[in-house]
Amino acid sequence: MGLTFEVRVSDVDESMDASWKVTEVAERLAQRKAEALLASSQGNELIITADTVVHVNGTILNKPADEAEALAMLKQLSGQTHEVYTGVCLVTKQWEEVLTDCTRVTFAQLSESELKHYIKHYAPFDKAGSYGAQDFIGLVGIDRLEGSYFNVMGLPTHRVYSVLRKRLAGA
């Protein structure tokens, strides 16, 4: 989008409350990250945070803890359609806007050896649902995608740009 930015990491609790609807989990986690960073922001700095979760067959998949959990997640996704929810929080000391985008993704049926190859060579431990659409799984395993590809990658840029255009038009 042609923006100058700095990447900062906020070390926040990413646990989910069982009462949250699947459609609001990523949004609430993005807000937690934003709140942690806003406390140390300077001036009218714009902070953009995001969190992504995968939802399949009534289960929310976040980031896997290890290879066994990554394999179990990928087996759940293989041959199935799932939803990817990315929540985004855009905040300054004057305003906050929060949004969630959803993309439906259909995976081909993948063999266990393909899944193990992916885990070994692409280390998907920092990715919701244990996969990245931009690497091997996306190249060989995604049969259909309904919605934003960039949402699946972790930032629905079209939605972020729309908020920035609206909020910063007079800036």
C-alpha atoms as a PDB file:
ATOM      1  CA  MET A   1       0.000   0.000   0.000  1.00  0.00           C
ATOM      2  CA  GLY A   2       3.054   2.238  -0.029  1.00  0.00           C
ATOM      3  CA  LEU A   3       3.045   2.900   3.703  1.00  0.00           C
ATOM      4  CA  THR A   4       6.101   3.435   5.852  1.00  0.00           C
ATOM      5  CA  PHE A   5       5.863   1.277   8.951  1.00  0.00           C
ATOM      6  CA  GLU A   6       7.724  -0.286  11.832  1.00  0.00           C
ATOM      7  CA  VAL A   7       7.035  -3.814  13.042  1.00  0.00           C
ATOM      8  CA  ARG A   8       6.591  -4.189  16.801  1.00  0.00           C
ATOM      9  CA  VAL A   9       5.731  -7.304  18.723  1.00  0.00           C
ATOM     10  CA  SER A  10       3.287  -7.273  21.609  1.00  0.00           C
ATOM     11  CA  ASP A  11       3.626 -10.185  23.977  1.00  0.00           C
ATOM     12  CA  VAL A  12       0.015 -10.685  25.037  1.00  0.00           C
ATOM     13  CA  ASP A  13      -2.079 -13.572  26.235  1.00  0.00           C
ATOM     14  CA  GLU A  14      -3.691 -15.152  23.152  1.00  0.00           C
ATOM     15  CA  SER A  15      -6.047 -17.411  25.089  1.00  0.00           C
ATOM     16  CA  MET A  16      -9.673 -17.383  24.017  1.00  0.00           C
ATOM     17  CA  ASP A  17     -12.752 -17.019  26.191  1.00  0.00           C
ATOM     18  CA  ALA A  18     -15.207 -19.874  25.599  1.00  0.00           C
ATOM     19  CA  SER A  19     -18.099 -17.383  25.500  1.00  0.00           C
ATOM     20  CA  TRP A  20     -16.717 -15.583  22.419  1.00  0.00           C
ATOM     21  CA  LYS A  21     -18.369 -16.305  19.087  1.00  0.00           C
ATOM     22  CA  VAL A  22     -16.030 -17.673  16.427  1.00  0.00           C
ATOM     23  CA  THR A  23     -16.605 -14.487  14.419  1.00  0.00           C
ATOM     24  CA  GLU A  24     -15.171 -12.308  17.195  1.00  0.00           C
ATOM     25  CA  VAL A  25     -12.185 -14.321  18.470  1.00  0.00           C
ATOM     26  CA  ALA A  26      -9.578 -12.863  16.086  1.00  0.00           C
ATOM     27  CA  GLU A  27     -10.989  -9.363  16.537  1.00  0.00           C
ATOM     28  CA  ARG A  28     -10.719  -9.517  20.329  1.00  0.00           C
ATOM     29  CA  LEU A  29      -7.152 -10.870  20.152  1.00  0.00           C
ATOM     30  CA  ALA A  30      -6.191  -8.064  17.749  1.00  0.00           C
ATOM     31  CA  GLN A  31      -7.649  -5.555  20.221  1.00  0.00           C
ATOM     32  CA  ARG A  32      -5.553  -7.054  23.047  1.00  0.00           C
ATOM     33  CA  LYS A  33      -2.419  -6.598  20.957  1.00  0.00           C
ATOM     34  CA  ALA A  34      -3.366  -3.009  20.099  1.00  0.00           C
ATOM     35  CA  GLU A  35      -4.054  -2.102  23.740  1.00  0.00           C
ATOM     36  CA  ALA A  36      -0.625  -3.411  24.760  1.00  0.00           C
ATOM     37  CA  LEU A  37       1.113  -1.322  22.084  1.00  0.00           C
ATOM     38  CA  LEU A  38      -0.992   1.811  22.510  1.00  0.00           C
ATOM     39  CA  ALA A  39       0.284   2.277  26.057  1.00  0.00           C
ATOM     40  CA  SER A  40       3.801   2.960  24.727  1.00  0.00           C
ATOM     41  CA  SER A  41       2.834   4.809  21.541  1.00  0.00           C
ATOM     42  CA  GLN A  42       3.987   8.354  20.925  1.00  0.00           C
ATOM     43  CA  GLY A  43       2.021  11.287  19.533  1.00  0.00           C
ATOM     44  CA  ASN A  44      -0.726  10.414  17.097  1.00  0.00           C
ATOM     45  CA  GLU A  45       0.906   7.169  16.029  1.00  0.00           C
ATOM     46  CA  LEU A  46      -1.338   4.742  14.159  1.00  0.00           C
ATOM     47  CA  ILE A  47      -1.140   1.171  15.406  1.00  0.00           C
ATOM     48  CA  ILE A  48      -2.454  -1.688  13.271  1.00  0.00           C
ATOM     49  CA  THR A  49      -2.672  -5.130  14.839  1.00  0.00           C
ATOM     50  CA  ALA A  50      -4.156  -8.345  13.532  1.00  0.00           C
ATOM     51  CA  ASP A  51      -4.867 -11.891  14.580  1.00  0.00           C
ATOM     52  CA  THR A  52      -6.022 -14.839  12.501  1.00  0.00           C
ATOM     53  CA  VAL A  53      -7.853 -18.029  13.431  1.00  0.00           C
ATOM     54  CA  VAL A  54      -9.022 -20.971  11.356  1.00  0.00           C
ATOM     55  CA  HIS A  55     -12.442 -22.522  11.944  1.00  0.00           C
ATOM     56  CA  VAL A  56     -13.213 -26.058  10.747  1.00  0.00           C
ATOM     57  CA  ASN A  57     -16.064 -28.362  11.725  1.00  0.00           C
ATOM     58  CA  GLY A  58     -16.899 -26.374  14.874  1.00  0.00           C
ATOM     59  CA  THR A  59     -13.280 -26.161  16.065  1.00  0.00           C
ATOM     60  CA  ILE A  60     -11.065 -23.063  16.241  1.00  0.00           C
ATOM     61  CA  LEU A  61      -7.457 -23.690  15.243  1.00  0.00           C
ATOM     62  CA  ASN A  62      -4.881 -21.173  16.371  1.00  0.00           C
ATOM     63  CA  LYS A  63      -1.110 -21.689  16.147  1.00  0.00           C
ATOM     64  CA  PRO A  64       0.217 -25.217  16.704  1.00  0.00           C
ATOM     65  CA  ALA A  65       2.489 -25.860  19.679  1.00  0.00           C
ATOM     66  CA  ASP A  66       4.572 -28.565  17.985  1.00  0.00           C
ATOM     67  CA  GLU A  67       4.858 -30.909  14.992  1.00  0.00           C
ATOM     68  CA  ALA A  68       2.249 -33.349  16.301  1.00  0.00           C
ATOM     69  CA  GLU A  69      -0.332 -30.598  16.760  1.00  0.00           C
ATOM     70  CA  ALA A  70       0.516 -29.114  13.341  1.00  0.00           C
ATOM     71  CA  LEU A  71      -0.020 -32.518  11.720  1.00  0.00           C
ATOM     72  CA  ALA A  72      -3.327 -33.015  13.546  1.00  0.00           C
ATOM     73  CA  MET A  73      -4.542 -29.584  12.400  1.00  0.00           C
ATOM     74  CA  LEU A  74      -3.531 -30.157   8.792  1.00  0.00           C
ATOM     75  CA  LYS A  75      -5.268 -33.549   8.798  1.00  0.00           C
ATOM     76  CA  GLN A  76      -8.468 -31.799   9.943  1.00  0.00           C
ATOM     77  CA  LEU A  77      -8.182 -29.339   7.045  1.00  0.00           C
ATOM     78  CA  SER A  78      -7.267 -31.874   4.345  1.00  0.00           C
ATOM     79  CA  GLY A  79     -10.180 -32.423   1.969  1.00  0.00           C
ATOM     80  CA  GLN A  80     -12.349 -29.922   3.892  1.00  0.00           C
ATOM     81  CA  THR A  81     -13.654 -26.376   3.566  1.00  0.00           C
ATOM     82  CA  HIS A  82     -12.850 -24.063   6.449  1.00  0.00           C
ATOM     83  CA  GLU A  83     -13.110 -20.384   7.322  1.00  0.00           C
ATOM     84  CA  VAL A  84     -10.194 -18.061   8.001  1.00  0.00           C
ATOM     85  CA  TYR A  85     -11.090 -15.117  10.228  1.00  0.00           C
ATOM     86  CA  THR A  86      -8.696 -12.204  10.558  1.00  0.00           C
ATOM     87  CA  GLY A  87      -9.458  -9.508  13.092  1.00  0.00           C
ATOM     88  CA  VAL A  88      -7.778  -6.140  12.689  1.00  0.00           C
ATOM     89  CA  CYS A  89      -7.583  -3.235  15.127  1.00  0.00           C
ATOM     90  CA  LEU A  90      -6.557   0.199  13.860  1.00  0.00           C
ATOM     91  CA  VAL A  91      -6.054   2.602  16.744  1.00  0.00           C
ATOM     92  CA  THR A  92      -4.588   5.974  17.683  1.00  0.00           C
ATOM     93  CA  LYS A  93      -4.994   7.814  20.975  1.00  0.00           C
ATOM     94  CA  GLN A  94      -8.000   9.569  19.382  1.00  0.00           C
ATOM     95  CA  TRP A  95      -9.902   6.735  17.686  1.00  0.00           C
ATOM     96  CA  GLU A  96     -10.210   2.989  17.248  1.00  0.00           C
ATOM     97  CA  GLU A  97     -11.711   0.904  14.478  1.00  0.00           C
ATOM     98  CA  VAL A  98     -11.998  -2.866  14.614  1.00  0.00           C
ATOM     99  CA  LEU A  99     -13.000  -5.229  11.816  1.00  0.00           C
ATOM    100  CA  THR A 100     -13.117  -8.899  10.939  1.00  0.00           C
ATOM    101  CA  ASP A 101     -12.844 -10.425   7.488  1.00  0.00           C
ATOM    102  CA  CYS A 102     -13.675 -14.025   6.573  1.00  0.00           C
ATOM    103  CA  THR A 103     -12.449 -16.167   3.695  1.00  0.00           C
ATOM    104  CA  ARG A 104     -13.646 -19.701   2.929  1.00  0.00           C
ATOM    105  CA  VAL A 105     -10.834 -22.020   1.877  1.00  0.00           C
ATOM    106  CA  THR A 106     -11.198 -25.518   0.432  1.00  0.00           C
ATOM    107  CA  PHE A 107      -8.248 -27.886   0.692  1.00  0.00           C
ATOM    108  CA  ALA A 108      -7.552 -30.805  -1.593  1.00  0.00           C
ATOM    109  CA  GLN A 109      -7.145 -34.192   0.038  1.00  0.00           C
ATOM    110  CA  LEU A 110      -3.462 -34.309   1.020  1.00  0.00           C
ATOM    111  CA  SER A 111      -1.486 -37.377   2.024  1.00  0.00           C
ATOM    112  CA  GLU A 112       0.205 -37.678   5.395  1.00  0.00           C
ATOM    113  CA  SER A 113       3.603 -37.664   3.658  1.00  0.00           C
ATOM    114  CA  GLU A 114       2.732 -34.353   1.942  1.00  0.00           C
ATOM    115  CA  LEU A 115       1.661 -32.877   5.266  1.00  0.00           C
ATOM    116  CA  LYS A 116       4.832 -34.075   7.022  1.00  0.00           C
ATOM    117  CA  HIS A 117       6.950 -32.684   4.159  1.00  0.00           C
ATOM    118  CA  TYR A 118       5.224 -29.340   4.609  1.00  0.00           C
ATOM    119  CA  ILE A 119       5.788 -29.275   8.375  1.00  0.00           C
ATOM    120  CA  LYS A 120       9.453 -30.272   8.023  1.00  0.00           C
ATOM    121  CA  HIS A 121      10.331 -27.763   5.287  1.00  0.00           C
ATOM    122  CA  TYR A 122       8.025 -24.824   6.044  1.00  0.00           C
ATOM    123  CA  ALA A 123       7.794 -24.837   9.883  1.00  0.00           C
ATOM    124  CA  PRO A 124       4.218 -23.538  10.166  1.00  0.00           C
ATOM    125  CA  PHE A 125       4.326 -22.991  13.928  1.00  0.00           C
ATOM    126  CA  ASP A 126       3.523 -19.279  13.793  1.00  0.00           C
ATOM    127  CA  LYS A 127       0.481 -19.726  11.553  1.00  0.00           C
ATOM    128  CA  ALA A 128      -3.163 -20.233  12.474  1.00  0.00           C
ATOM    129  CA  GLY A 129      -4.282 -23.653  11.318  1.00  0.00           C
ATOM    130  CA  SER A 130      -0.632 -24.621  10.680  1.00  0.00           C
ATOM    131  CA  TYR A 131      -0.423 -23.313   7.142  1.00  0.00           C
ATOM    132  CA  GLY A 132       0.469 -20.363   4.972  1.00  0.00           C
ATOM    133  CA  ALA A 133      -1.430 -19.834   1.719  1.00  0.00           C
ATOM    134  CA  GLN A 134       1.705 -18.311   0.199  1.00  0.00           C
ATOM    135  CA  ASP A 135       3.849 -21.447   0.458  1.00  0.00           C
ATOM    136  CA  PHE A 136       3.720 -25.179  -0.445  1.00  0.00           C
ATOM    137  CA  ILE A 137       0.274 -25.877   1.015  1.00  0.00           C
ATOM    138  CA  GLY A 138      -1.214 -22.944  -0.848  1.00  0.00           C
ATOM    139  CA  LEU A 139       0.499 -23.873  -4.079  1.00  0.00           C
ATOM    140  CA  VAL A 140      -0.561 -27.529  -4.103  1.00  0.00           C
ATOM    141  CA  GLY A 141      -3.361 -27.861  -1.585  1.00  0.00           C
ATOM    142  CA  ILE A 142      -5.845 -25.025  -1.934  1.00  0.00           C
ATOM    143  CA  ASP A 143      -8.560 -26.011  -4.404  1.00  0.00           C
ATOM    144  CA  ARG A 144     -10.812 -23.008  -3.865  1.00  0.00           C
ATOM    145  CA  LEU A 145     -10.718 -19.694  -2.089  1.00  0.00           C
ATOM    146  CA  GLU A 146     -13.820 -17.531  -1.584  1.00  0.00           C
ATOM    147  CA  GLY A 147     -12.896 -14.083  -0.319  1.00  0.00           C
ATOM    148  CA  SER A 148      -9.610 -12.291   0.133  1.00  0.00           C
ATOM    149  CA  TYR A 149      -6.342 -14.140  -0.406  1.00  0.00           C
ATOM    150  CA  PHE A 150      -4.603 -11.473   1.694  1.00  0.00           C
ATOM    151  CA  ASN A 151      -7.002 -12.195   4.546  1.00  0.00           C
ATOM    152  CA  VAL A 152      -5.756 -15.793   4.568  1.00  0.00           C
ATOM    153  CA  MET A 153      -2.191 -14.461   4.701  1.00  0.00           C
ATOM    154  CA  GLY A 154      -3.135 -12.509   7.841  1.00  0.00           C
ATOM    155  CA  LEU A 155      -4.114  -8.978   6.798  1.00  0.00           C
ATOM    156  CA  PRO A 156      -7.186  -8.101   4.728  1.00  0.00           C
ATOM    157  CA  THR A 157      -5.429  -5.190   3.044  1.00  0.00           C
ATOM    158  CA  HIS A 158      -8.489  -4.089   1.084  1.00  0.00           C
ATOM    159  CA  ARG A 159     -10.408  -3.546   4.336  1.00  0.00           C
ATOM    160  CA  VAL A 160      -7.452  -1.853   6.071  1.00  0.00           C
ATOM    161  CA  TYR A 161      -7.003   0.510   3.109  1.00  0.00           C
ATOM    162  CA  SER A 162     -10.711   1.398   3.202  1.00  0.00           C
ATOM    163  CA  VAL A 163     -10.473   2.378   6.893  1.00  0.00           C
ATOM    164  CA  LEU A 164      -7.277   4.376   6.322  1.00  0.00           C
ATOM    165  CA  ARG A 165      -8.795   6.200   3.339  1.00  0.00           C
ATOM    166  CA  LYS A 166     -11.854   7.122   5.394  1.00  0.00           C
ATOM    167  CA  ARG A 167     -10.003   8.068   8.613  1.00  0.00           C
ATOM    168  CA  LEU A 168      -7.007   9.845   7.079  1.00  0.00           C
ATOM    169  CA  ALA A 169      -8.703  11.647   4.169  1.00  0.00           C
ATOM    170  CA  GLY A 170      -8.354  15.009   5.905  1.00  0.00           C
ATOM    171  CA  ALA A 171      -4.904  14.319   7.370  1.00  0.00           C
END
